[in-house]
N, C-alpha and C. Protein backbone atom coordinates (compact mmCIF):
# COMPACT_ATOMS: atom_id res chain seq x y z
N UNK A 1 -215.33 -33.86 120.13
CA UNK A 1 -214.68 -33.53 119.36
C UNK A 1 -214.79 -34.34 118.07
N UNK A 2 -215.58 -34.66 118.32
CA UNK A 2 -216.17 -35.10 116.91
C UNK A 2 -216.85 -34.04 116.13
N UNK A 3 -217.87 -33.53 116.93
CA UNK A 3 -218.43 -31.93 116.35
C UNK A 3 -217.23 -31.05 116.06
N UNK A 4 -216.46 -31.01 117.08
CA UNK A 4 -215.33 -29.83 116.68
C UNK A 4 -214.90 -30.17 114.86
N UNK A 5 -214.51 -31.38 115.06
CA UNK A 5 -214.36 -31.90 113.21
C UNK A 5 -215.29 -31.99 112.52
N UNK A 6 -216.25 -31.54 112.46
CA UNK A 6 -217.67 -31.59 111.53
C UNK A 6 -217.81 -30.09 111.35
N UNK A 7 -217.66 -29.39 112.38
CA UNK A 7 -217.65 -27.88 112.11
C UNK A 7 -216.77 -27.67 111.30
N UNK A 8 -215.16 -28.02 111.72
CA UNK A 8 -214.01 -27.50 110.93
C UNK A 8 -214.26 -27.91 109.55
N UNK A 9 -214.50 -29.08 108.92
CA UNK A 9 -214.76 -29.25 108.00
C UNK A 9 -215.82 -28.61 106.94
N UNK A 10 -216.74 -28.68 107.83
CA UNK A 10 -218.08 -27.64 107.11
C UNK A 10 -217.23 -25.84 106.90
N UNK A 11 -216.31 -25.48 107.64
CA UNK A 11 -215.94 -24.38 107.39
C UNK A 11 -214.98 -24.35 106.11
N UNK A 12 -214.42 -25.65 106.32
CA UNK A 12 -213.16 -25.59 105.38
C UNK A 12 -214.05 -26.02 103.63
N UNK A 13 -215.09 -26.43 103.90
CA UNK A 13 -215.86 -26.42 102.46
C UNK A 13 -216.51 -25.45 102.59
N UNK A 14 -216.98 -24.69 103.04
CA UNK A 14 -217.37 -22.88 102.43
C UNK A 14 -216.40 -22.32 102.06
N UNK A 15 -215.14 -22.33 102.40
CA UNK A 15 -213.96 -21.61 101.61
C UNK A 15 -213.72 -22.15 100.54
N UNK A 16 -213.37 -23.50 100.13
CA UNK A 16 -213.37 -23.95 98.95
C UNK A 16 -214.77 -24.19 97.97
N UNK A 17 -215.84 -24.06 98.16
CA UNK A 17 -217.02 -23.59 97.39
C UNK A 17 -217.17 -22.47 97.16
N UNK A 18 -216.91 -21.46 97.98
CA UNK A 18 -217.22 -19.89 97.64
C UNK A 18 -215.64 -19.02 97.22
N UNK A 19 -214.66 -19.49 97.99
CA UNK A 19 -213.55 -18.94 97.69
C UNK A 19 -213.46 -17.48 98.02
N UNK A 20 -212.77 -16.66 96.78
CA UNK A 20 -212.68 -15.19 96.90
C UNK A 20 -214.00 -14.54 96.42
N UNK A 21 -214.58 -15.32 95.58
CA UNK A 21 -216.07 -14.62 95.13
C UNK A 21 -217.17 -14.53 96.45
N UNK A 22 -216.81 -14.88 97.45
CA UNK A 22 -217.76 -15.01 98.69
C UNK A 22 -218.37 -13.37 98.58
N UNK A 23 -219.85 -13.63 99.22
CA UNK A 23 -220.65 -12.39 98.69
C UNK A 23 -220.51 -12.14 100.59
N UNK A 24 -219.65 -11.43 101.07
CA UNK A 24 -219.68 -11.23 102.37
C UNK A 24 -220.73 -10.82 103.11
N UNK A 25 -221.34 -9.58 102.43
CA UNK A 25 -222.36 -9.54 103.22
C UNK A 25 -223.54 -10.37 103.50
N UNK A 26 -223.90 -10.84 102.11
CA UNK A 26 -225.02 -12.34 101.85
C UNK A 26 -224.72 -13.16 103.02
N UNK A 27 -223.69 -13.48 103.29
CA UNK A 27 -223.28 -14.62 104.38
C UNK A 27 -223.14 -14.10 105.87
N UNK A 28 -222.59 -13.14 106.09
CA UNK A 28 -222.85 -12.09 107.10
C UNK A 28 -224.47 -12.27 107.84
N UNK A 29 -225.50 -12.13 106.76
CA UNK A 29 -226.72 -12.28 107.33
C UNK A 29 -226.73 -13.43 107.05
N UNK A 30 -226.63 -14.49 106.78
CA UNK A 30 -226.98 -15.58 106.83
C UNK A 30 -226.37 -16.61 108.16
N UNK A 31 -225.35 -16.17 108.43
CA UNK A 31 -224.97 -16.21 109.75
C UNK A 31 -225.68 -15.90 110.88
N UNK A 32 -226.19 -14.46 110.72
CA UNK A 32 -226.86 -13.88 111.82
C UNK A 32 -228.40 -14.80 111.79
N UNK A 33 -228.90 -14.91 110.70
CA UNK A 33 -229.86 -15.97 110.73
C UNK A 33 -230.02 -16.75 111.42
N UNK A 34 -228.90 -17.77 111.60
CA UNK A 34 -228.85 -19.02 112.03
C UNK A 34 -228.40 -18.98 113.26
N UNK A 35 -227.64 -17.82 114.02
CA UNK A 35 -227.14 -17.74 115.39
C UNK A 35 -227.59 -16.87 115.98
N UNK A 36 -228.28 -15.84 115.60
CA UNK A 36 -229.09 -14.52 116.26
C UNK A 36 -227.74 -13.37 116.80
N UNK A 37 -228.18 -13.51 117.91
CA UNK A 37 -227.05 -12.37 118.83
C UNK A 37 -225.60 -13.19 119.04
N UNK A 38 -225.49 -14.52 119.10
CA UNK A 38 -224.33 -15.25 118.95
C UNK A 38 -223.68 -15.32 117.73
N UNK A 39 -223.92 -14.80 116.62
CA UNK A 39 -223.33 -14.84 115.46
C UNK A 39 -221.88 -14.34 115.15
N UNK A 40 -221.42 -13.43 116.09
CA UNK A 40 -220.19 -13.06 116.02
C UNK A 40 -219.12 -13.88 116.45
N UNK A 41 -219.58 -14.52 117.60
CA UNK A 41 -219.04 -15.76 118.36
C UNK A 41 -218.63 -17.01 117.31
N UNK A 42 -219.85 -17.29 116.68
CA UNK A 42 -219.94 -18.31 115.92
C UNK A 42 -219.08 -17.93 114.79
N UNK A 43 -218.75 -16.94 113.96
CA UNK A 43 -217.93 -16.24 112.86
C UNK A 43 -216.57 -16.53 113.51
N UNK A 44 -216.25 -15.97 114.28
CA UNK A 44 -214.82 -15.69 114.98
C UNK A 44 -214.60 -16.69 115.06
N UNK A 45 -215.21 -18.25 115.66
CA UNK A 45 -214.83 -19.40 116.11
C UNK A 45 -214.53 -20.10 114.67
N UNK A 46 -215.10 -19.76 113.72
CA UNK A 46 -214.82 -20.70 112.34
C UNK A 46 -213.18 -19.77 111.75
N UNK A 47 -213.03 -18.83 112.01
CA UNK A 47 -212.13 -18.27 111.51
C UNK A 47 -210.91 -18.87 112.04
N UNK A 48 -210.99 -18.92 113.75
CA UNK A 48 -209.72 -19.50 114.37
C UNK A 48 -209.37 -20.98 113.75
N UNK A 49 -210.53 -21.66 113.95
CA UNK A 49 -210.49 -23.25 113.46
C UNK A 49 -210.02 -23.15 112.17
N UNK A 50 -210.11 -22.62 110.69
CA UNK A 50 -209.20 -22.41 110.05
C UNK A 50 -207.69 -21.96 109.85
N UNK A 51 -207.85 -20.91 110.74
CA UNK A 51 -206.21 -20.70 111.40
C UNK A 51 -205.38 -21.95 111.73
N UNK A 52 -206.17 -22.33 112.86
CA UNK A 52 -205.58 -23.61 113.31
C UNK A 52 -205.37 -24.46 112.42
N UNK A 53 -205.90 -24.65 111.01
CA UNK A 53 -205.80 -25.84 110.40
C UNK A 53 -204.71 -25.48 109.26
N UNK A 54 -204.42 -24.11 109.24
CA UNK A 54 -203.33 -23.75 108.46
C UNK A 54 -203.89 -23.18 107.34
N UNK A 55 -205.06 -22.88 106.98
CA UNK A 55 -206.06 -22.48 105.70
C UNK A 55 -206.03 -20.79 105.80
N UNK A 56 -204.77 -20.02 105.65
CA UNK A 56 -205.07 -18.85 105.99
C UNK A 56 -205.81 -17.83 104.81
N UNK A 57 -206.11 -18.19 103.61
CA UNK A 57 -207.40 -17.88 102.96
C UNK A 57 -208.64 -18.03 103.65
N UNK A 58 -208.96 -19.46 104.03
CA UNK A 58 -209.94 -19.24 104.83
C UNK A 58 -210.48 -18.52 105.69
N UNK A 59 -209.06 -18.37 106.81
CA UNK A 59 -209.09 -17.43 107.85
C UNK A 59 -209.55 -15.87 107.48
N UNK A 60 -208.95 -15.37 106.55
CA UNK A 60 -208.92 -14.15 106.24
C UNK A 60 -210.60 -14.38 105.63
N UNK A 61 -211.03 -15.12 105.01
CA UNK A 61 -212.58 -14.79 104.50
C UNK A 61 -213.47 -14.66 105.96
N UNK A 62 -213.35 -15.60 106.54
CA UNK A 62 -214.39 -15.68 108.08
C UNK A 62 -213.87 -14.50 108.74
N UNK A 63 -212.64 -13.77 108.89
CA UNK A 63 -212.42 -12.87 109.57
C UNK A 63 -213.31 -11.62 108.90
N UNK A 64 -213.35 -11.50 107.70
CA UNK A 64 -214.18 -10.55 106.81
C UNK A 64 -215.61 -10.69 107.25
N UNK A 65 -216.32 -11.82 107.24
CA UNK A 65 -217.27 -12.19 107.45
C UNK A 65 -217.78 -11.96 109.19
N UNK A 66 -216.51 -12.18 110.15
CA UNK A 66 -216.82 -12.01 111.25
C UNK A 66 -217.00 -10.36 111.56
N UNK A 67 -216.27 -9.73 110.84
CA UNK A 67 -216.20 -7.98 110.87
C UNK A 67 -217.74 -7.66 110.34
N UNK A 68 -218.02 -8.17 109.45
CA UNK A 68 -219.35 -8.14 109.23
C UNK A 68 -220.39 -8.13 109.72
N UNK A 69 -220.81 -9.28 110.69
CA UNK A 69 -221.87 -9.94 111.27
C UNK A 69 -222.02 -8.88 112.66
N UNK A 70 -220.15 -8.77 113.53
CA UNK A 70 -220.29 -8.02 114.40
C UNK A 70 -220.66 -6.74 114.54
N UNK A 71 -220.49 -5.81 112.97
CA UNK A 71 -221.24 -4.45 112.84
C UNK A 71 -222.79 -4.90 112.92
N UNK A 72 -223.11 -5.61 112.21
CA UNK A 72 -224.52 -5.36 112.03
C UNK A 72 -224.90 -5.94 113.36
N UNK A 73 -224.73 -6.93 113.99
CA UNK A 73 -225.37 -7.47 115.65
C UNK A 73 -225.21 -5.99 116.31
N UNK A 74 -223.83 -5.37 116.08
CA UNK A 74 -223.73 -4.62 117.24
C UNK A 74 -224.78 -3.17 117.22
N UNK A 75 -225.17 -3.12 115.93
CA UNK A 75 -225.94 -2.06 115.29
C UNK A 75 -227.36 -2.26 115.34
N UNK A 76 -227.85 -3.30 115.70
CA UNK A 76 -229.29 -4.09 115.96
C UNK A 76 -229.93 -4.11 114.85
N UNK A 77 -228.86 -4.67 113.87
CA UNK A 77 -229.63 -4.82 112.13
C UNK A 77 -229.88 -6.43 112.42
N UNK A 78 -231.00 -6.81 111.80
CA UNK A 78 -231.12 -8.37 111.49
C UNK A 78 -231.31 -8.31 110.13
N UNK A 79 -230.96 -9.60 109.91
CA UNK A 79 -230.95 -10.18 108.34
C UNK A 79 -232.08 -10.10 107.77
N UNK A 80 -232.55 -9.66 106.70
CA UNK A 80 -233.76 -9.38 106.06
C UNK A 80 -234.04 -10.76 106.08
N UNK A 81 -235.24 -11.09 106.08
CA UNK A 81 -236.06 -12.23 105.75
C UNK A 81 -236.41 -12.64 104.62
N UNK A 82 -236.47 -13.58 103.62
CA UNK A 82 -236.34 -13.94 102.32
C UNK A 82 -238.02 -14.18 101.58
């Protein structure tokens, strides 16, 4: 449960820090870099956590990230390396 709380807090902080100015494609690439083929599951989990916490804006943002990640992973596109 402590791990879930930390993940939830991290997702909320992300939305607080980036808000509506979030660069969805860049975040999607970052999520893919971190989680690889599991990235869609992770992005969807963040969206669900924020929805459960009552954070509609955060949920909407992470759903956009999820959709971008899902498309990139399904198309076999990997995030570019910096």
